[in-house]
């Protein structure tokens, strides 16, 4: 009797946990700036920023319509008209990725924080959750950090 109850309990737990996590979308790489989390592919409420920015509208050649660039002193955010973030480009060496990498850091720091990636033509790329995170490298130092939404055709 005890064996059957134990077996039924184990099977019940297994059935309840099958598929756990499958519906969860892996979170993409993002950046926290001015207290606001920014993730390409997600909508952003630009009014949450306290820092000043310049807004410019540009044609969106990739998807059609209009793109909007928000340029802060430290970084640039590109969105579509609905506020979905396409890209983030870090300008200021005082801005760090959420994992702790700054412009000027060495390649070994990037690998410690993100894992190994091939360095091809001065570029290291990591992908997660629909976001591509690119580090531009020159003389073993990070000289560029860019986040891009992966657009599937």
N, C-alpha and C. Protein backbone atom coordinates (compact mmCIF):
# COMPACT_ATOMS: atom_id res chain seq x y z
N UNK A 1 0.83 -1.20 0.00
CA UNK A 1 0.00 0.00 0.00
C UNK A 1 0.87 1.26 0.00
N UNK A 2 1.90 1.26 0.86
CA UNK A 2 2.78 2.43 0.94
C UNK A 2 3.51 2.63 -0.37
N UNK A 3 3.91 1.53 -1.04
CA UNK A 3 4.61 1.63 -2.32
C UNK A 3 3.70 2.24 -3.38
N UNK A 4 2.43 1.82 -3.40
CA UNK A 4 1.52 2.37 -4.40
C UNK A 4 1.26 3.85 -4.16
N UNK A 5 1.11 4.25 -2.90
CA UNK A 5 0.90 5.66 -2.61
C UNK A 5 2.13 6.48 -3.00
N UNK A 6 3.30 5.97 -2.71
CA UNK A 6 4.54 6.66 -3.08
C UNK A 6 4.65 6.78 -4.59
N UNK A 7 4.33 5.69 -5.30
CA UNK A 7 4.39 5.69 -6.76
C UNK A 7 3.41 6.72 -7.34
N UNK A 8 2.19 6.74 -6.82
CA UNK A 8 1.17 7.68 -7.29
C UNK A 8 1.62 9.12 -7.01
N UNK A 9 2.19 9.34 -5.85
CA UNK A 9 2.67 10.67 -5.50
C UNK A 9 3.79 11.12 -6.44
N UNK A 10 4.74 10.23 -6.72
CA UNK A 10 5.84 10.56 -7.63
C UNK A 10 5.34 10.85 -9.04
N UNK A 11 4.43 10.02 -9.55
CA UNK A 11 3.87 10.23 -10.88
C UNK A 11 3.11 11.55 -10.93
N UNK A 12 2.37 11.87 -9.88
CA UNK A 12 1.61 13.13 -9.84
C UNK A 12 2.55 14.33 -9.89
N UNK A 13 3.62 14.28 -9.13
CA UNK A 13 4.59 15.38 -9.13
C UNK A 13 5.22 15.51 -10.51
N UNK A 14 5.57 14.39 -11.13
CA UNK A 14 6.17 14.43 -12.47
C UNK A 14 5.20 15.04 -13.47
N UNK A 15 3.95 14.64 -13.43
CA UNK A 15 2.96 15.17 -14.36
C UNK A 15 2.74 16.67 -14.15
N UNK A 16 2.77 17.09 -12.92
CA UNK A 16 2.57 18.51 -12.64
C UNK A 16 3.75 19.37 -13.11
N UNK A 17 4.95 18.79 -13.11
CA UNK A 17 6.13 19.59 -13.47
C UNK A 17 6.54 19.44 -14.93
N UNK A 18 5.90 18.53 -15.67
CA UNK A 18 6.23 18.40 -17.09
C UNK A 18 5.90 19.71 -17.77
N UNK A 19 6.84 20.22 -18.52
CA UNK A 19 6.61 21.45 -19.25
C UNK A 19 6.92 22.71 -18.45
N UNK A 20 7.31 22.56 -17.18
CA UNK A 20 7.66 23.75 -16.42
C UNK A 20 8.81 24.46 -17.10
N UNK A 21 8.66 25.72 -17.31
CA UNK A 21 9.71 26.51 -17.92
C UNK A 21 9.64 26.55 -19.43
N UNK A 22 8.88 25.65 -20.05
CA UNK A 22 8.82 25.64 -21.51
C UNK A 22 8.11 26.87 -22.06
N UNK A 23 7.13 27.37 -21.32
CA UNK A 23 6.40 28.53 -21.78
C UNK A 23 7.13 29.83 -21.48
N UNK A 24 8.15 29.74 -20.64
CA UNK A 24 8.91 30.93 -20.28
C UNK A 24 9.87 31.28 -21.40
N UNK A 25 9.82 32.52 -21.82
CA UNK A 25 10.75 32.99 -22.84
C UNK A 25 12.04 33.40 -22.13
N UNK A 26 13.14 32.95 -22.68
CA UNK A 26 14.42 33.34 -22.10
C UNK A 26 14.58 34.85 -22.22
N UNK A 27 14.96 35.49 -21.11
CA UNK A 27 15.11 36.94 -21.12
C UNK A 27 16.32 37.33 -21.94
N UNK A 28 16.13 38.32 -22.81
CA UNK A 28 17.22 38.80 -23.63
C UNK A 28 18.18 39.68 -22.85
N UNK A 29 19.36 39.89 -23.41
CA UNK A 29 20.31 40.80 -22.80
C UNK A 29 19.70 42.20 -22.76
N UNK A 30 19.96 42.90 -21.70
CA UNK A 30 19.45 44.26 -21.57
C UNK A 30 20.44 45.12 -20.81
N UNK A 31 20.04 46.35 -20.62
CA UNK A 31 20.90 47.35 -19.99
C UNK A 31 20.03 48.20 -19.08
N UNK A 32 20.50 48.43 -17.86
CA UNK A 32 19.78 49.33 -16.97
C UNK A 32 20.47 50.69 -17.01
N UNK A 33 19.70 51.70 -17.37
CA UNK A 33 20.23 53.05 -17.52
C UNK A 33 19.25 54.03 -16.91
N UNK A 34 19.75 54.93 -16.08
CA UNK A 34 18.92 55.95 -15.43
C UNK A 34 17.77 55.30 -14.66
N UNK A 35 18.05 54.12 -14.10
CA UNK A 35 17.05 53.39 -13.32
C UNK A 35 16.01 52.64 -14.14
N UNK A 36 16.17 52.60 -15.47
CA UNK A 36 15.19 51.96 -16.35
C UNK A 36 15.86 50.78 -17.06
N UNK A 37 15.23 49.61 -17.00
CA UNK A 37 15.73 48.43 -17.71
C UNK A 37 15.31 48.54 -19.18
N UNK A 38 16.29 48.42 -20.08
CA UNK A 38 16.03 48.51 -21.53
C UNK A 38 16.42 47.18 -22.15
N UNK A 39 15.47 46.55 -22.84
CA UNK A 39 15.72 45.27 -23.50
C UNK A 39 15.22 45.35 -24.94
N UNK A 40 16.10 45.16 -25.91
CA UNK A 40 15.63 45.14 -27.30
C UNK A 40 14.52 44.10 -27.49
N UNK A 41 13.50 44.50 -28.26
CA UNK A 41 12.35 43.62 -28.48
C UNK A 41 11.21 43.91 -27.52
N UNK A 42 11.48 44.72 -26.50
CA UNK A 42 10.45 45.08 -25.53
C UNK A 42 10.11 46.56 -25.65
N UNK A 43 8.90 46.89 -25.22
CA UNK A 43 8.44 48.29 -25.27
C UNK A 43 9.09 49.08 -24.15
N UNK A 44 9.41 50.34 -24.45
CA UNK A 44 10.02 51.21 -23.44
C UNK A 44 9.14 52.44 -23.26
N UNK A 45 9.05 52.88 -22.01
CA UNK A 45 8.33 54.11 -21.69
C UNK A 45 9.39 55.19 -21.50
N UNK A 46 9.62 55.98 -22.53
CA UNK A 46 10.70 56.97 -22.53
C UNK A 46 10.49 58.03 -21.44
N UNK A 47 9.26 58.20 -20.99
CA UNK A 47 8.98 59.22 -19.95
C UNK A 47 9.57 58.83 -18.60
N UNK A 48 10.01 57.61 -18.43
CA UNK A 48 10.60 57.17 -17.15
C UNK A 48 12.03 57.69 -16.96
N UNK A 49 12.65 58.16 -18.04
CA UNK A 49 14.02 58.65 -17.92
C UNK A 49 14.03 60.06 -17.32
N UNK A 50 14.96 60.28 -16.41
CA UNK A 50 15.13 61.59 -15.80
C UNK A 50 16.14 62.43 -16.59
N UNK A 51 17.06 61.76 -17.26
CA UNK A 51 18.11 62.47 -18.00
C UNK A 51 17.54 63.04 -19.29
N UNK A 52 18.19 64.11 -19.74
CA UNK A 52 17.77 64.75 -20.99
C UNK A 52 18.24 63.94 -22.20
N UNK A 53 17.48 64.06 -23.28
CA UNK A 53 17.82 63.36 -24.52
C UNK A 53 17.33 64.17 -25.70
N UNK A 54 17.89 63.85 -26.86
CA UNK A 54 17.41 64.42 -28.11
C UNK A 54 16.64 63.32 -28.84
N UNK A 55 15.52 63.71 -29.44
CA UNK A 55 14.68 62.77 -30.17
C UNK A 55 14.76 63.11 -31.66
N UNK A 56 14.99 62.08 -32.47
CA UNK A 56 14.97 62.29 -33.92
C UNK A 56 14.22 61.15 -34.58
N UNK A 57 13.48 61.48 -35.62
CA UNK A 57 12.72 60.48 -36.37
C UNK A 57 13.46 60.19 -37.67
N UNK A 58 13.53 58.90 -37.99
CA UNK A 58 14.24 58.47 -39.20
C UNK A 58 13.40 57.41 -39.91
N UNK A 59 13.54 57.28 -41.23
CA UNK A 59 12.83 56.20 -41.93
C UNK A 59 13.35 54.85 -41.44
N UNK A 60 12.45 53.90 -41.27
CA UNK A 60 12.82 52.55 -40.86
C UNK A 60 12.88 51.68 -42.11
N UNK A 61 14.06 51.60 -42.68
CA UNK A 61 14.23 50.86 -43.93
C UNK A 61 14.05 49.36 -43.75
N UNK A 62 14.39 48.83 -42.58
CA UNK A 62 14.32 47.38 -42.35
C UNK A 62 12.87 46.89 -42.28
N UNK A 63 12.04 47.58 -41.53
CA UNK A 63 10.67 47.10 -41.33
C UNK A 63 9.61 48.04 -41.90
N UNK A 64 10.02 49.14 -42.48
CA UNK A 64 9.07 50.11 -42.99
C UNK A 64 8.57 50.99 -41.85
N UNK A 65 7.95 52.07 -42.18
CA UNK A 65 7.45 52.98 -41.16
C UNK A 65 8.52 53.96 -40.72
N UNK A 66 8.40 54.37 -39.46
CA UNK A 66 9.28 55.40 -38.93
C UNK A 66 10.03 54.85 -37.72
N UNK A 67 11.31 55.15 -37.64
CA UNK A 67 12.11 54.82 -36.47
C UNK A 67 12.32 56.07 -35.65
N UNK A 68 12.55 55.88 -34.35
CA UNK A 68 12.80 57.01 -33.46
C UNK A 68 14.08 56.73 -32.70
N UNK A 69 15.00 57.69 -32.74
CA UNK A 69 16.25 57.60 -31.99
C UNK A 69 16.19 58.55 -30.80
N UNK A 70 16.55 58.04 -29.64
CA UNK A 70 16.66 58.84 -28.43
C UNK A 70 18.14 58.86 -28.07
N UNK A 71 18.75 60.03 -28.20
CA UNK A 71 20.18 60.14 -27.95
C UNK A 71 20.43 60.85 -26.63
N UNK A 72 20.98 60.11 -25.69
CA UNK A 72 21.39 60.64 -24.40
C UNK A 72 22.90 60.92 -24.50
N UNK A 73 23.45 61.57 -23.54
CA UNK A 73 24.89 61.82 -23.53
C UNK A 73 25.65 60.49 -23.45
N UNK A 74 25.05 59.51 -22.79
CA UNK A 74 25.74 58.24 -22.51
C UNK A 74 25.44 57.12 -23.51
N UNK A 75 24.30 57.16 -24.15
CA UNK A 75 23.92 56.08 -25.06
C UNK A 75 22.82 56.52 -26.01
N UNK A 76 22.56 55.67 -27.00
CA UNK A 76 21.49 55.93 -27.97
C UNK A 76 20.55 54.73 -28.00
N UNK A 77 19.26 55.01 -27.97
CA UNK A 77 18.23 53.97 -28.04
C UNK A 77 17.43 54.18 -29.31
N UNK A 78 17.26 53.13 -30.11
CA UNK A 78 16.45 53.20 -31.33
C UNK A 78 15.20 52.35 -31.14
N UNK A 79 14.03 52.95 -31.49
CA UNK A 79 12.76 52.24 -31.36
C UNK A 79 11.95 52.40 -32.64
N UNK A 80 10.85 51.64 -32.70
CA UNK A 80 9.88 51.90 -33.75
C UNK A 80 8.84 52.89 -33.20
N UNK A 81 7.83 53.19 -33.98
CA UNK A 81 6.81 54.17 -33.56
C UNK A 81 6.04 53.73 -32.32
N UNK A 82 5.95 52.42 -32.11
CA UNK A 82 5.21 51.90 -30.95
C UNK A 82 6.07 51.86 -29.69
N UNK A 83 7.35 52.20 -29.81
CA UNK A 83 8.22 52.19 -28.64
C UNK A 83 8.96 50.89 -28.40
N UNK A 84 8.89 49.96 -29.37
CA UNK A 84 9.64 48.71 -29.25
C UNK A 84 11.11 49.01 -29.54
N UNK A 85 11.99 48.64 -28.63
CA UNK A 85 13.41 48.92 -28.77
C UNK A 85 14.03 47.99 -29.81
N UNK A 86 14.72 48.61 -30.78
CA UNK A 86 15.48 47.85 -31.78
C UNK A 86 16.92 47.69 -31.35
N UNK A 87 17.51 48.81 -30.86
CA UNK A 87 18.93 48.74 -30.53
C UNK A 87 19.30 49.74 -29.44
N UNK A 88 20.42 49.44 -28.80
CA UNK A 88 21.02 50.31 -27.79
C UNK A 88 22.50 50.39 -28.15
N UNK A 89 23.02 51.58 -28.22
CA UNK A 89 24.44 51.77 -28.52
C UNK A 89 25.07 52.58 -27.40
N UNK A 90 26.06 51.99 -26.71
CA UNK A 90 26.70 52.65 -25.58
C UNK A 90 27.76 53.62 -26.09
N UNK A 91 27.71 54.86 -25.59
CA UNK A 91 28.64 55.92 -26.00
C UNK A 91 29.64 56.24 -24.89
N UNK A 92 29.20 56.20 -23.65
CA UNK A 92 29.99 56.66 -22.51
C UNK A 92 30.68 55.50 -21.80
N UNK A 93 31.98 55.63 -21.49
CA UNK A 93 32.70 54.56 -20.81
C UNK A 93 32.26 54.32 -19.37
N UNK A 94 31.41 55.18 -18.82
CA UNK A 94 30.90 54.98 -17.46
C UNK A 94 29.63 54.14 -17.42
N UNK A 95 29.08 53.82 -18.59
CA UNK A 95 27.89 52.97 -18.66
C UNK A 95 28.35 51.53 -18.75
N UNK A 96 27.80 50.69 -17.87
CA UNK A 96 28.19 49.28 -17.89
C UNK A 96 27.01 48.42 -18.30
N UNK A 97 27.30 47.25 -18.84
CA UNK A 97 26.25 46.28 -19.13
C UNK A 97 25.72 45.78 -17.79
N UNK A 98 24.56 45.16 -17.79
CA UNK A 98 24.01 44.64 -16.53
C UNK A 98 24.92 43.59 -15.91
N UNK A 99 25.75 42.97 -16.73
CA UNK A 99 26.69 41.97 -16.23
C UNK A 99 28.00 42.59 -15.79
N UNK A 100 28.19 43.90 -16.02
CA UNK A 100 29.35 44.60 -15.48
C UNK A 100 30.49 44.89 -16.42
N UNK A 101 30.26 44.94 -17.73
CA UNK A 101 31.33 45.26 -18.68
C UNK A 101 31.20 46.71 -19.14
N UNK A 102 32.33 47.40 -19.17
CA UNK A 102 32.41 48.81 -19.57
C UNK A 102 33.21 48.93 -20.87
N UNK A 103 33.04 50.04 -21.58
CA UNK A 103 33.96 50.39 -22.65
C UNK A 103 35.34 50.52 -22.02
N UNK A 104 36.36 49.99 -22.67
CA UNK A 104 37.71 50.03 -22.13
C UNK A 104 38.12 48.77 -21.40
N UNK A 105 37.16 47.90 -21.05
CA UNK A 105 37.51 46.63 -20.41
C UNK A 105 38.26 45.72 -21.38
N UNK A 106 38.98 44.77 -20.82
CA UNK A 106 39.73 43.81 -21.63
C UNK A 106 38.83 42.66 -22.06
N UNK A 107 39.25 41.97 -23.12
CA UNK A 107 38.51 40.81 -23.64
C UNK A 107 38.31 39.77 -22.54
N UNK A 108 39.30 39.57 -21.70
CA UNK A 108 39.18 38.55 -20.64
C UNK A 108 38.02 38.87 -19.69
N UNK A 109 37.75 40.16 -19.46
CA UNK A 109 36.62 40.55 -18.61
C UNK A 109 35.30 40.18 -19.28
N UNK A 110 35.20 40.42 -20.58
CA UNK A 110 33.99 40.04 -21.33
C UNK A 110 33.77 38.54 -21.21
N UNK A 111 34.82 37.76 -21.41
CA UNK A 111 34.71 36.30 -21.34
C UNK A 111 34.35 35.82 -19.94
N UNK A 112 34.88 36.50 -18.91
CA UNK A 112 34.54 36.14 -17.53
C UNK A 112 33.05 36.36 -17.26
N UNK A 113 32.50 37.44 -17.82
CA UNK A 113 31.11 37.80 -17.55
C UNK A 113 30.11 37.07 -18.44
N UNK A 114 30.50 36.79 -19.70
CA UNK A 114 29.55 36.24 -20.69
C UNK A 114 29.92 34.86 -21.20
N UNK A 115 31.12 34.40 -20.93
CA UNK A 115 31.56 33.11 -21.46
C UNK A 115 32.37 33.31 -22.74
N UNK A 116 32.85 32.21 -23.27
CA UNK A 116 33.69 32.27 -24.47
C UNK A 116 32.86 32.58 -25.71
N UNK A 117 33.46 33.37 -26.58
CA UNK A 117 32.88 33.65 -27.90
C UNK A 117 34.04 33.87 -28.84
N UNK A 118 33.84 33.52 -30.08
CA UNK A 118 34.89 33.74 -31.07
C UNK A 118 35.07 35.23 -31.30
N UNK A 119 36.31 35.63 -31.47
CA UNK A 119 36.64 37.01 -31.81
C UNK A 119 36.92 37.03 -33.30
N UNK A 120 35.93 37.50 -34.08
CA UNK A 120 36.04 37.51 -35.53
C UNK A 120 36.05 38.95 -36.02
N UNK A 121 37.12 39.33 -36.68
CA UNK A 121 37.28 40.69 -37.23
C UNK A 121 37.00 41.77 -36.18
N UNK A 122 37.46 41.53 -34.97
CA UNK A 122 37.29 42.52 -33.91
C UNK A 122 35.91 42.56 -33.29
N UNK A 123 35.11 41.52 -33.49
CA UNK A 123 33.74 41.48 -32.98
C UNK A 123 33.53 40.21 -32.15
N UNK A 124 32.93 40.37 -30.97
CA UNK A 124 32.48 39.24 -30.15
C UNK A 124 30.97 39.39 -30.00
N UNK A 125 30.23 38.33 -30.31
CA UNK A 125 28.77 38.41 -30.28
C UNK A 125 28.19 37.32 -29.39
N UNK A 126 27.20 37.71 -28.59
CA UNK A 126 26.47 36.80 -27.72
C UNK A 126 24.98 36.97 -28.03
N UNK A 127 24.23 35.86 -28.04
CA UNK A 127 22.79 35.92 -28.31
C UNK A 127 22.03 35.24 -27.19
N UNK A 128 20.92 35.88 -26.80
CA UNK A 128 20.06 35.29 -25.78
C UNK A 128 18.69 35.96 -25.85
N UNK A 129 17.65 35.14 -25.86
CA UNK A 129 16.29 35.66 -25.75
C UNK A 129 15.90 36.67 -26.80
N UNK A 130 16.37 36.49 -28.04
CA UNK A 130 16.01 37.40 -29.11
C UNK A 130 16.83 38.67 -29.17
N UNK A 131 17.93 38.71 -28.40
CA UNK A 131 18.80 39.88 -28.38
C UNK A 131 20.23 39.45 -28.72
N UNK A 132 20.85 40.23 -29.57
CA UNK A 132 22.26 40.02 -29.91
C UNK A 132 23.07 41.14 -29.26
N UNK A 133 24.04 40.74 -28.45
CA UNK A 133 24.91 41.69 -27.76
C UNK A 133 26.29 41.61 -28.41
N UNK A 134 26.76 42.74 -28.92
CA UNK A 134 28.02 42.78 -29.66
C UNK A 134 29.03 43.67 -28.94
N UNK A 135 30.24 43.13 -28.81
CA UNK A 135 31.36 43.90 -28.29
C UNK A 135 32.34 44.10 -29.43
N UNK A 136 32.72 45.35 -29.68
CA UNK A 136 33.73 45.66 -30.69
C UNK A 136 35.06 45.76 -29.94
N UNK A 137 36.05 45.04 -30.45
CA UNK A 137 37.34 44.92 -29.76
C UNK A 137 38.46 45.49 -30.63
N UNK A 138 39.35 46.25 -29.99
CA UNK A 138 40.55 46.73 -30.65
C UNK A 138 41.70 46.66 -29.64
N UNK A 139 42.78 46.02 -30.03
CA UNK A 139 43.96 45.88 -29.16
C UNK A 139 43.57 45.31 -27.80
N UNK A 140 42.72 44.26 -27.82
CA UNK A 140 42.29 43.52 -26.63
C UNK A 140 41.41 44.34 -25.69
N UNK A 141 40.88 45.48 -26.15
CA UNK A 141 40.01 46.32 -25.32
C UNK A 141 38.64 46.50 -25.99
N UNK A 142 37.60 46.62 -25.17
CA UNK A 142 36.25 46.88 -25.66
C UNK A 142 36.16 48.36 -26.07
N UNK A 143 35.86 48.59 -27.36
CA UNK A 143 35.70 49.97 -27.83
C UNK A 143 34.27 50.26 -28.28
N UNK A 144 33.42 49.23 -28.27
CA UNK A 144 32.03 49.41 -28.65
C UNK A 144 31.15 48.35 -28.00
N UNK A 145 29.95 48.76 -27.57
CA UNK A 145 28.95 47.84 -27.01
C UNK A 145 27.63 48.18 -27.66
N UNK A 146 27.00 47.17 -28.27
CA UNK A 146 25.71 47.39 -28.93
C UNK A 146 24.79 46.21 -28.70
N UNK A 147 23.54 46.52 -28.40
CA UNK A 147 22.48 45.53 -28.24
C UNK A 147 21.53 45.67 -29.41
N UNK A 148 21.14 44.55 -30.04
CA UNK A 148 20.21 44.60 -31.15
C UNK A 148 19.14 43.53 -31.02
N UNK A 149 17.90 43.92 -31.34
CA UNK A 149 16.83 42.95 -31.42
C UNK A 149 17.07 42.08 -32.64
N UNK A 150 16.94 40.77 -32.47
CA UNK A 150 17.08 39.86 -33.60
C UNK A 150 15.76 39.86 -34.35
N UNK A 151 15.81 40.27 -35.60
CA UNK A 151 14.60 40.34 -36.43
C UNK A 151 14.52 39.08 -37.28
N UNK A 152 13.45 38.33 -37.10
CA UNK A 152 13.25 37.10 -37.87
C UNK A 152 12.38 37.41 -39.08
N UNK A 153 12.82 36.96 -40.22
CA UNK A 153 12.05 37.21 -41.45
C UNK A 153 11.08 36.10 -41.73
